Structure formats: C-alpha cells, structure tokens
Amino acid sequence: MIVPDEILMSKIYFIRGQKVILDSDLAELYQVETKALKQAVKRNEDIFPLHFMFELTVEEFEVLRSHFVTSKNGRGGTRYLPYVFTEYGILQAANILRSARAKQMSIRIIEVFVRLQKMIIDNLEIRSLIEKLEKKTENNAKNIEIVFKYFDELLEKNSEANERTPIGFKITRNRK
C-alpha cells in the first residue's frame, strides 16, 4: 500500500527546530502498535541519541494537542508523553523493528523529509532574492516611476500611430 506524499507531509511537525514524526503516526505507518514501537525503542535506547528521537515536554504536547482533537487523559487517550522521531530516528526505528513494511516506509518518509527540506531551501532562496530586489528598488523608486512613465508614453505614441488613415485605393461597392 503506497501512502501519498500529502499524508506523509501532514504527519511531519516542526518541534525544537527539527522535522519530526510522532511515535503514534510512525507506528501507524509501520503498521505496528504504538506500544510495540515504544517497547522496541526502550530496549534499544542506546542507539537513539537526542538528534534521532526525544520525548515531548508537557508544554510541547499541549501545543501539539491543540492542533488536533485528541481524547482526554484517562479515557483511552495518550497517557504518556509521546516520542518524536527525526529522519535519523525513523530509519533507526525501522532497523530495530526489522519488518519489510517498516524498511519500505522509512525510505518513503525520508524521501518526503528531503523533499520538504528542498522546498524550505527554495523558499528561502526566493525570499532572499525578493528582499534583494526590494532593497535595490527602494533607492531607485523614482527611476522605476520614470521607466513606467516612459512605457506609458511609448504605448500612447504606438496607439496614435495605429490611428492613421490607411493608404491605398478605396473600393466602392455601389457600381451599377
């Protein structure tokens, strides 16, 4: 089953300046229970440094919870603070789960992470170019006005030139 990029992107959050996926979303994508994923991670904590995976703080979780509807604590909802996985942690989680689905999905997720990073870089480059252009035009606002005024004059002259009477023979149709 191929998961569309849009769904994968919707599961990526920016927390602590990093792109991450919640443990519950990663478990869903890997088709394992969240509990099983967390147990596998806890058994292998030594291969999950902070830049691979970290646990959310209460404040981070509350902010995240406010973005989507979740059930209340104690009523089938999340009882523990979730882990979030960076792109490195996603690959590491697939390695410890050792399922074909996890390995395939981790590759897809990392491709989406890379595509997202490229989009961010492209947007920053475009923003930088626009800012440079704005700085150049701030000092030359008068020059731009002059250029547009000149274009208007050219358009007027061109339209006047098109209004000339045509030359050549006139053919009358009333011949009898």
N, C-alpha and C. Protein backbone atom coordinates (compact mmCIF):
# COMPACT_ATOMS: atom_id res chain seq x y z
N MET A 1 0.84 -1.18 0.00
CA MET A 1 0.00 0.00 0.00
C MET A 1 0.89 1.25 0.00
N ILE A 2 0.71 2.09 -1.00
CA ILE A 2 1.50 3.31 -1.11
C ILE A 2 0.76 4.45 -0.41
N VAL A 3 1.47 5.11 0.47
CA VAL A 3 0.90 6.25 1.21
C VAL A 3 1.25 7.51 0.43
N PRO A 4 0.25 8.33 0.08
CA PRO A 4 0.54 9.56 -0.68
C PRO A 4 1.44 10.52 0.11
N ASP A 5 2.24 11.28 -0.63
CA ASP A 5 3.15 12.25 -0.01
C ASP A 5 2.41 13.24 0.88
N GLU A 6 1.19 13.63 0.48
CA GLU A 6 0.44 14.61 1.26
C GLU A 6 0.14 14.09 2.65
N ILE A 7 -0.18 12.81 2.75
CA ILE A 7 -0.46 12.22 4.06
C ILE A 7 0.81 12.17 4.89
N LEU A 8 1.92 11.78 4.26
CA LEU A 8 3.19 11.75 4.99
C LEU A 8 3.57 13.14 5.47
N MET A 9 3.41 14.14 4.60
CA MET A 9 3.76 15.51 4.98
C MET A 9 2.87 16.02 6.12
N SER A 10 1.62 15.58 6.15
CA SER A 10 0.72 16.03 7.21
C SER A 10 1.11 15.48 8.58
N LYS A 11 1.94 14.47 8.59
CA LYS A 11 2.37 13.85 9.85
C LYS A 11 3.71 14.40 10.33
N ILE A 12 4.28 15.33 9.59
CA ILE A 12 5.57 15.91 9.95
C ILE A 12 5.33 17.24 10.66
N TYR A 13 5.96 17.39 11.81
CA TYR A 13 5.84 18.60 12.61
C TYR A 13 7.22 19.21 12.81
N PHE A 14 7.25 20.53 13.07
CA PHE A 14 8.50 21.20 13.42
C PHE A 14 8.50 21.43 14.92
N ILE A 15 9.36 20.71 15.60
CA ILE A 15 9.47 20.83 17.06
C ILE A 15 10.95 20.95 17.40
N ARG A 16 11.27 21.93 18.22
CA ARG A 16 12.66 22.21 18.62
C ARG A 16 13.56 22.41 17.40
N GLY A 17 12.99 23.02 16.38
CA GLY A 17 13.76 23.33 15.18
C GLY A 17 14.06 22.13 14.30
N GLN A 18 13.37 21.02 14.54
CA GLN A 18 13.61 19.81 13.75
C GLN A 18 12.31 19.30 13.16
N LYS A 19 12.40 18.65 12.02
CA LYS A 19 11.25 17.98 11.43
C LYS A 19 11.14 16.61 12.11
N VAL A 20 9.96 16.32 12.65
CA VAL A 20 9.77 15.08 13.40
C VAL A 20 8.41 14.46 13.09
N ILE A 21 8.30 13.17 13.43
CA ILE A 21 7.03 12.44 13.32
C ILE A 21 6.74 11.85 14.69
N LEU A 22 5.48 11.94 15.11
CA LEU A 22 5.04 11.37 16.39
C LEU A 22 5.16 9.85 16.37
N ASP A 23 5.41 9.28 17.55
CA ASP A 23 5.52 7.83 17.65
C ASP A 23 4.25 7.12 17.18
N SER A 24 3.08 7.68 17.49
CA SER A 24 1.82 7.05 17.07
C SER A 24 1.66 7.07 15.55
N ASP A 25 2.07 8.17 14.92
CA ASP A 25 1.99 8.25 13.45
C ASP A 25 2.99 7.30 12.80
N LEU A 26 4.19 7.23 13.37
CA LEU A 26 5.21 6.33 12.83
C LEU A 26 4.76 4.87 12.98
N ALA A 27 4.19 4.54 14.12
CA ALA A 27 3.68 3.18 14.34
C ALA A 27 2.59 2.84 13.32
N GLU A 28 1.71 3.81 13.08
CA GLU A 28 0.64 3.60 12.09
C GLU A 28 1.24 3.35 10.71
N LEU A 29 2.22 4.15 10.33
CA LEU A 29 2.85 3.99 9.02
C LEU A 29 3.60 2.66 8.91
N TYR A 30 4.22 2.24 10.01
CA TYR A 30 4.95 0.97 10.02
C TYR A 30 4.04 -0.22 10.26
N GLN A 31 2.76 0.04 10.51
CA GLN A 31 1.74 -0.97 10.78
C GLN A 31 2.09 -1.83 11.98
N VAL A 32 2.46 -1.15 13.07
CA VAL A 32 2.68 -1.81 14.36
C VAL A 32 1.94 -0.98 15.41
N GLU A 33 1.73 -1.56 16.57
CA GLU A 33 1.11 -0.80 17.64
C GLU A 33 2.12 0.19 18.21
N THR A 34 1.61 1.34 18.66
CA THR A 34 2.48 2.35 19.26
C THR A 34 3.23 1.76 20.45
N LYS A 35 2.54 0.96 21.22
CA LYS A 35 3.14 0.33 22.40
C LYS A 35 4.33 -0.55 21.98
N ALA A 36 4.18 -1.30 20.91
CA ALA A 36 5.26 -2.18 20.43
C ALA A 36 6.46 -1.35 19.96
N LEU A 37 6.18 -0.23 19.29
CA LEU A 37 7.26 0.64 18.83
C LEU A 37 8.01 1.21 20.03
N LYS A 38 7.27 1.71 21.01
CA LYS A 38 7.91 2.29 22.19
C LYS A 38 8.73 1.26 22.95
N GLN A 39 8.22 0.03 23.07
CA GLN A 39 8.95 -1.03 23.76
C GLN A 39 10.25 -1.35 23.04
N ALA A 40 10.18 -1.42 21.71
CA ALA A 40 11.39 -1.71 20.92
C ALA A 40 12.42 -0.59 21.09
N VAL A 41 11.94 0.64 21.12
CA VAL A 41 12.85 1.78 21.30
C VAL A 41 13.48 1.75 22.69
N LYS A 42 12.67 1.46 23.72
CA LYS A 42 13.20 1.43 25.09
C LYS A 42 14.24 0.31 25.26
N ARG A 43 14.04 -0.81 24.57
CA ARG A 43 15.02 -1.90 24.64
C ARG A 43 16.34 -1.51 23.94
N ASN A 44 16.26 -0.48 23.07
CA ASN A 44 17.44 -0.08 22.29
C ASN A 44 17.75 1.40 22.46
N GLU A 45 17.52 1.94 23.65
CA GLU A 45 17.70 3.37 23.89
C GLU A 45 19.11 3.86 23.53
N ASP A 46 20.10 2.99 23.66
CA ASP A 46 21.47 3.39 23.41
C ASP A 46 21.74 3.76 21.95
N ILE A 47 20.87 3.34 21.03
CA ILE A 47 21.08 3.68 19.61
C ILE A 47 20.13 4.79 19.15
N PHE A 48 19.51 5.49 20.11
CA PHE A 48 18.62 6.60 19.82
C PHE A 48 19.08 7.86 20.56
N PRO A 49 20.13 8.52 20.07
CA PRO A 49 20.53 9.78 20.71
C PRO A 49 19.46 10.85 20.48
N LEU A 50 19.61 11.99 21.17
CA LEU A 50 18.60 13.05 21.11
C LEU A 50 18.34 13.57 19.70
N HIS A 51 19.32 13.54 18.82
CA HIS A 51 19.05 14.03 17.47
C HIS A 51 18.38 12.96 16.59
N PHE A 52 18.11 11.77 17.17
CA PHE A 52 17.33 10.73 16.49
C PHE A 52 15.89 10.70 17.00
N MET A 53 15.74 10.91 18.32
CA MET A 53 14.43 10.78 18.94
C MET A 53 14.46 11.46 20.31
N PHE A 54 13.33 12.09 20.68
CA PHE A 54 13.23 12.65 22.02
C PHE A 54 11.78 12.63 22.46
N GLU A 55 11.58 12.71 23.78
CA GLU A 55 10.24 12.73 24.34
C GLU A 55 9.78 14.18 24.44
N LEU A 56 8.54 14.43 24.08
CA LEU A 56 8.00 15.78 24.17
C LEU A 56 7.83 16.19 25.62
N THR A 57 7.94 17.48 25.87
CA THR A 57 7.62 18.01 27.19
C THR A 57 6.10 18.17 27.28
N VAL A 58 5.60 18.39 28.49
CA VAL A 58 4.17 18.58 28.68
C VAL A 58 3.69 19.78 27.86
N GLU A 59 4.46 20.87 27.87
CA GLU A 59 4.08 22.08 27.13
C GLU A 59 4.04 21.81 25.62
N GLU A 60 5.05 21.13 25.11
CA GLU A 60 5.08 20.82 23.67
C GLU A 60 3.89 19.95 23.29
N PHE A 61 3.59 18.98 24.15
CA PHE A 61 2.48 18.08 23.86
C PHE A 61 1.15 18.83 23.88
N GLU A 62 0.98 19.75 24.82
CA GLU A 62 -0.26 20.53 24.89
C GLU A 62 -0.44 21.40 23.65
N VAL A 63 0.65 22.01 23.20
CA VAL A 63 0.59 22.83 21.98
C VAL A 63 0.22 21.94 20.80
N LEU A 64 0.85 20.79 20.70
CA LEU A 64 0.57 19.87 19.62
C LEU A 64 -0.86 19.35 19.70
N ARG A 65 -1.31 19.04 20.89
CA ARG A 65 -2.66 18.54 21.10
C ARG A 65 -3.69 19.57 20.67
N SER A 66 -3.39 20.86 20.86
CA SER A 66 -4.34 21.90 20.47
C SER A 66 -4.51 21.99 18.96
N HIS A 67 -3.58 21.43 18.21
CA HIS A 67 -3.68 21.46 16.74
C HIS A 67 -4.57 20.37 16.18
N PHE A 68 -4.80 19.32 16.97
CA PHE A 68 -5.71 18.28 16.51
C PHE A 68 -6.47 17.74 17.71
N VAL A 69 -7.64 17.19 17.44
CA VAL A 69 -8.52 16.74 18.51
C VAL A 69 -8.04 15.38 19.00
N THR A 70 -7.81 15.28 20.31
CA THR A 70 -7.45 14.00 20.91
C THR A 70 -8.35 13.78 22.11
N SER A 71 -8.47 12.54 22.49
CA SER A 71 -9.32 12.25 23.65
C SER A 71 -8.61 12.66 24.93
N LYS A 72 -9.38 12.77 26.00
CA LYS A 72 -8.84 13.22 27.28
C LYS A 72 -8.03 12.12 27.94
N ASN A 73 -7.08 12.54 28.77
CA ASN A 73 -6.29 11.57 29.52
C ASN A 73 -7.21 10.71 30.37
N GLY A 74 -6.87 9.42 30.48
CA GLY A 74 -7.63 8.51 31.32
C GLY A 74 -8.85 7.94 30.64
N ARG A 75 -9.13 8.33 29.43
CA ARG A 75 -10.30 7.82 28.70
C ARG A 75 -9.89 7.24 27.36
N GLY A 76 -8.86 6.46 27.35
CA GLY A 76 -8.41 5.83 26.12
C GLY A 76 -7.47 6.71 25.33
N GLY A 77 -7.11 7.89 25.84
CA GLY A 77 -6.21 8.79 25.15
C GLY A 77 -4.76 8.49 25.49
N THR A 78 -3.88 9.36 25.11
CA THR A 78 -2.47 9.20 25.39
C THR A 78 -2.22 9.42 26.88
N ARG A 79 -1.63 8.41 27.52
CA ARG A 79 -1.35 8.52 28.95
C ARG A 79 0.08 8.96 29.21
N TYR A 80 0.93 8.74 28.23
CA TYR A 80 2.35 9.06 28.36
C TYR A 80 2.71 10.10 27.31
N LEU A 81 3.73 10.87 27.61
CA LEU A 81 4.19 11.84 26.61
C LEU A 81 4.77 11.08 25.42
N PRO A 82 4.43 11.52 24.23
CA PRO A 82 4.90 10.80 23.05
C PRO A 82 6.37 11.07 22.75
N TYR A 83 6.95 10.12 22.06
CA TYR A 83 8.28 10.31 21.48
C TYR A 83 8.08 10.89 20.09
N VAL A 84 9.04 11.64 19.64
CA VAL A 84 9.05 12.09 18.25
C VAL A 84 10.37 11.65 17.63
N PHE A 85 10.30 11.31 16.36
CA PHE A 85 11.46 10.77 15.66
C PHE A 85 11.89 11.72 14.54
N THR A 86 13.18 12.00 14.48
CA THR A 86 13.74 12.77 13.36
C THR A 86 13.95 11.79 12.21
N GLU A 87 14.43 12.29 11.08
CA GLU A 87 14.62 11.38 9.94
C GLU A 87 15.63 10.29 10.27
N TYR A 88 16.61 10.57 11.12
CA TYR A 88 17.57 9.53 11.52
C TYR A 88 16.89 8.49 12.40
N GLY A 89 16.05 8.95 13.30
CA GLY A 89 15.34 8.04 14.19
C GLY A 89 14.35 7.17 13.45
N ILE A 90 13.76 7.70 12.40
CA ILE A 90 12.81 6.93 11.58
C ILE A 90 13.50 5.72 10.98
N LEU A 91 14.68 5.94 10.45
CA LEU A 91 15.45 4.84 9.86
C LEU A 91 15.90 3.86 10.93
N GLN A 92 16.33 4.38 12.07
CA GLN A 92 16.78 3.52 13.16
C GLN A 92 15.61 2.66 13.69
N ALA A 93 14.42 3.26 13.80
CA ALA A 93 13.25 2.51 14.26
C ALA A 93 12.92 1.38 13.29
N ALA A 94 13.04 1.65 12.00
CA ALA A 94 12.79 0.60 11.00
C ALA A 94 13.80 -0.53 11.17
N ASN A 95 15.04 -0.19 11.50
CA ASN A 95 16.07 -1.22 11.69
C ASN A 95 15.79 -2.12 12.89
N ILE A 96 15.28 -1.54 13.98
CA ILE A 96 15.03 -2.38 15.15
C ILE A 96 13.74 -3.17 15.02
N LEU A 97 12.79 -2.68 14.22
CA LEU A 97 11.54 -3.42 14.02
C LEU A 97 11.74 -4.57 13.04
N ARG A 98 12.64 -4.40 12.11
CA ARG A 98 13.04 -5.45 11.16
C ARG A 98 11.91 -5.99 10.29
N SER A 99 10.89 -5.19 10.04
CA SER A 99 9.83 -5.64 9.14
C SER A 99 10.04 -5.00 7.77
N ALA A 100 9.60 -5.71 6.76
CA ALA A 100 9.73 -5.19 5.39
C ALA A 100 8.95 -3.90 5.24
N ARG A 101 7.77 -3.85 5.85
CA ARG A 101 6.93 -2.64 5.77
C ARG A 101 7.66 -1.44 6.38
N ALA A 102 8.27 -1.63 7.54
CA ALA A 102 8.97 -0.54 8.21
C ALA A 102 10.14 -0.06 7.36
N LYS A 103 10.86 -0.96 6.75
CA LYS A 103 12.01 -0.57 5.93
C LYS A 103 11.55 0.21 4.69
N GLN A 104 10.51 -0.28 4.03
CA GLN A 104 9.99 0.41 2.84
C GLN A 104 9.44 1.79 3.21
N MET A 105 8.68 1.84 4.29
CA MET A 105 8.05 3.09 4.68
C MET A 105 9.09 4.10 5.15
N SER A 106 10.15 3.65 5.82
CA SER A 106 11.17 4.58 6.28
C SER A 106 11.85 5.27 5.09
N ILE A 107 12.05 4.53 4.03
CA ILE A 107 12.65 5.13 2.83
C ILE A 107 11.71 6.20 2.26
N ARG A 108 10.41 5.89 2.18
CA ARG A 108 9.43 6.86 1.67
C ARG A 108 9.39 8.11 2.54
N ILE A 109 9.40 7.91 3.87
CA ILE A 109 9.32 9.05 4.78
C ILE A 109 10.56 9.93 4.64
N ILE A 110 11.72 9.32 4.54
CA ILE A 110 12.96 10.09 4.40
C ILE A 110 12.96 10.85 3.08
N GLU A 111 12.44 10.24 2.01
CA GLU A 111 12.33 10.96 0.74
C GLU A 111 11.45 12.20 0.89
N VAL A 112 10.36 12.08 1.65
CA VAL A 112 9.48 13.23 1.87
C VAL A 112 10.20 14.28 2.72
N PHE A 113 10.96 13.84 3.73
CA PHE A 113 11.74 14.78 4.54
C PHE A 113 12.71 15.56 3.65
N VAL A 114 13.39 14.87 2.76
CA VAL A 114 14.35 15.52 1.87
C VAL A 114 13.63 16.50 0.94
N ARG A 115 12.49 16.10 0.39
CA ARG A 115 11.71 16.97 -0.49
C ARG A 115 11.24 18.21 0.27
N LEU A 116 10.81 18.02 1.51
CA LEU A 116 10.37 19.13 2.34
C LEU A 116 11.53 20.09 2.61
N GLN A 117 12.71 19.53 2.89
CA GLN A 117 13.89 20.36 3.13
C GLN A 117 14.23 21.18 1.88
N LYS A 118 14.13 20.56 0.71
CA LYS A 118 14.41 21.27 -0.54
C LYS A 118 13.41 22.41 -0.75
N MET A 119 12.13 22.15 -0.43
CA MET A 119 11.11 23.20 -0.56
C MET A 119 11.43 24.38 0.36
N ILE A 120 11.87 24.08 1.56
CA ILE A 120 12.21 25.13 2.52
C ILE A 120 13.38 25.95 2.01
N ILE A 121 14.41 25.26 1.50
CA ILE A 121 15.59 25.95 0.98
C ILE A 121 15.21 26.80 -0.23
N ASP A 122 14.39 26.24 -1.14
CA ASP A 122 13.96 27.00 -2.32
C ASP A 122 13.19 28.25 -1.91
N ASN A 123 12.30 28.11 -0.91
CA ASN A 123 11.54 29.27 -0.44
C ASN A 123 12.45 30.32 0.17
N LEU A 124 13.46 29.88 0.89
CA LEU A 124 14.41 30.83 1.48
C LEU A 124 15.20 31.56 0.40
N GLU A 125 15.58 30.84 -0.66
CA GLU A 125 16.30 31.47 -1.77
C GLU A 125 15.42 32.50 -2.47
N ILE A 126 14.16 32.15 -2.71
CA ILE A 126 13.23 33.08 -3.35
C ILE A 126 13.02 34.29 -2.47
N ARG A 127 12.84 34.07 -1.17
CA ARG A 127 12.65 35.18 -0.24
C ARG A 127 13.87 36.09 -0.26
N SER A 128 15.06 35.50 -0.29
CA SER A 128 16.29 36.28 -0.32
C SER A 128 16.37 37.14 -1.59
N LEU A 129 16.02 36.53 -2.73
CA LEU A 129 16.04 37.28 -3.99
C LEU A 129 15.04 38.43 -3.97
N ILE A 130 13.87 38.19 -3.43
CA ILE A 130 12.86 39.24 -3.35
C ILE A 130 13.34 40.37 -2.45
N GLU A 131 13.95 40.02 -1.32
CA GLU A 131 14.46 41.05 -0.42
C GLU A 131 15.56 41.88 -1.09
N LYS A 132 16.43 41.22 -1.85
CA LYS A 132 17.49 41.95 -2.57
C LYS A 132 16.87 42.90 -3.59
N LEU A 133 15.84 42.42 -4.29
CA LEU A 133 15.17 43.25 -5.28
C LEU A 133 14.49 44.44 -4.61
N GLU A 134 13.85 44.19 -3.46
CA GLU A 134 13.20 45.28 -2.73
C GLU A 134 14.22 46.33 -2.31
N LYS A 135 15.38 45.88 -1.84
CA LYS A 135 16.42 46.83 -1.42
C LYS A 135 16.91 47.67 -2.59
N LYS A 136 17.06 47.01 -3.75
CA LYS A 136 17.51 47.74 -4.93
C LYS A 136 16.46 48.76 -5.36
N THR A 137 15.20 48.39 -5.30
CA THR A 137 14.15 49.29 -5.79
C THR A 137 13.81 50.38 -4.80
N GLU A 138 14.12 50.19 -3.51
CA GLU A 138 13.86 51.25 -2.53
C GLU A 138 14.61 52.53 -2.91
N ASN A 139 15.85 52.40 -3.28
CA ASN A 139 16.68 53.55 -3.63
C ASN A 139 16.35 54.09 -5.02
N ASN A 140 15.79 53.24 -5.83
CA ASN A 140 15.54 53.63 -7.22
C ASN A 140 14.05 53.74 -7.53
N ALA A 141 13.26 54.05 -6.54
CA ALA A 141 11.81 54.15 -6.75
C ALA A 141 11.49 55.19 -7.81
N LYS A 142 12.20 56.31 -7.79
CA LYS A 142 11.99 57.36 -8.79
C LYS A 142 12.31 56.83 -10.18
N ASN A 143 13.42 56.08 -10.29
CA ASN A 143 13.82 55.54 -11.59
C ASN A 143 12.77 54.59 -12.14
N ILE A 144 12.17 53.78 -11.26
CA ILE A 144 11.13 52.85 -11.70
C ILE A 144 9.91 53.62 -12.18
N GLU A 145 9.54 54.68 -11.47
CA GLU A 145 8.43 55.51 -11.90
C GLU A 145 8.70 56.10 -13.27
N ILE A 146 9.93 56.56 -13.50
CA ILE A 146 10.32 57.14 -14.79
C ILE A 146 10.21 56.09 -15.89
N VAL A 147 10.65 54.88 -15.60
CA VAL A 147 10.59 53.80 -16.59
C VAL A 147 9.13 53.53 -16.97
N PHE A 148 8.25 53.41 -15.95
CA PHE A 148 6.85 53.15 -16.25
C PHE A 148 6.20 54.32 -16.99
N LYS A 149 6.58 55.53 -16.67
CA LYS A 149 6.07 56.71 -17.37
C LYS A 149 6.49 56.65 -18.84
N TYR A 150 7.74 56.27 -19.06
CA TYR A 150 8.26 56.15 -20.42
C TYR A 150 7.49 55.07 -21.19
N PHE A 151 7.21 53.94 -20.53
CA PHE A 151 6.43 52.88 -21.18
C PHE A 151 5.04 53.39 -21.55
N ASP A 152 4.42 54.16 -20.67
CA ASP A 152 3.09 54.72 -20.96
C ASP A 152 3.15 55.63 -22.18
N GLU A 153 4.19 56.48 -22.25
CA GLU A 153 4.33 57.38 -23.40
C GLU A 153 4.51 56.59 -24.69
N LEU A 154 5.31 55.53 -24.63
CA LEU A 154 5.50 54.69 -25.82
C LEU A 154 4.19 54.05 -26.25
N LEU A 155 3.41 53.58 -25.29
CA LEU A 155 2.13 52.97 -25.63
C LEU A 155 1.19 53.99 -26.26
N GLU A 156 1.17 55.22 -25.75
CA GLU A 156 0.33 56.27 -26.33
C GLU A 156 0.76 56.58 -27.75
N LYS A 157 2.07 56.73 -27.97
CA LYS A 157 2.58 57.02 -29.32
C LYS A 157 2.24 55.88 -30.27
N ASN A 158 2.35 54.66 -29.78
CA ASN A 158 2.06 53.49 -30.60
C ASN A 158 0.58 53.46 -30.98
N SER A 159 -0.29 53.78 -30.04
CA SER A 159 -1.72 53.78 -30.34
C SER A 159 -2.08 54.92 -31.30
N GLU A 160 -1.39 56.08 -31.18
CA GLU A 160 -1.62 57.19 -32.11
C GLU A 160 -1.17 56.80 -33.51
N ALA A 161 -0.08 56.08 -33.59
CA ALA A 161 0.43 55.66 -34.90
C ALA A 161 -0.53 54.70 -35.56
N ASN A 162 -1.22 53.89 -34.79
CA ASN A 162 -2.18 52.93 -35.35
C ASN A 162 -3.46 53.61 -35.80
N GLU A 163 -3.71 54.84 -35.40
CA GLU A 163 -4.93 55.55 -35.77
C GLU A 163 -4.79 56.28 -37.10
N ARG A 164 -3.68 56.22 -37.77
CA ARG A 164 -3.51 56.90 -39.06
C ARG A 164 -4.47 56.34 -40.08
N THR A 165 -4.80 57.15 -41.02
CA THR A 165 -5.69 56.69 -42.08
C THR A 165 -4.91 55.78 -43.02
N PRO A 166 -5.52 54.69 -43.38
CA PRO A 166 -4.81 53.76 -44.27
C PRO A 166 -4.62 54.36 -45.66
N ILE A 167 -3.50 54.01 -46.26
CA ILE A 167 -3.24 54.48 -47.62
C ILE A 167 -3.57 53.38 -48.61
N GLY A 168 -3.86 53.77 -49.81
CA GLY A 168 -4.17 52.79 -50.83
C GLY A 168 -5.46 53.15 -51.53
N PHE A 169 -5.91 52.30 -52.42
CA PHE A 169 -7.13 52.54 -53.17
C PHE A 169 -8.34 52.18 -52.33
N LYS A 170 -9.40 52.99 -52.51
CA LYS A 170 -10.66 52.68 -51.85
C LYS A 170 -11.57 52.06 -52.89
N ILE A 171 -12.12 50.98 -52.57
CA ILE A 171 -13.01 50.29 -53.50
C ILE A 171 -14.44 50.56 -53.06
N THR A 172 -15.21 51.05 -54.00
CA THR A 172 -16.63 51.29 -53.69
C THR A 172 -17.44 50.13 -54.23
N ARG A 173 -18.45 49.75 -53.55
CA ARG A 173 -19.24 48.55 -53.89
C ARG A 173 -20.53 48.95 -54.62
N ASN A 174 -20.82 50.18 -54.74
CA ASN A 174 -22.09 50.62 -55.34
C ASN A 174 -21.95 50.80 -56.83
N ARG A 175 -21.35 49.98 -57.54
CA ARG A 175 -21.20 50.08 -59.01
C ARG A 175 -22.41 49.47 -59.68
N LYS A 176 -22.96 50.19 -60.59
CA LYS A 176 -24.11 49.66 -61.33
C LYS A 176 -23.90 49.76 -62.77
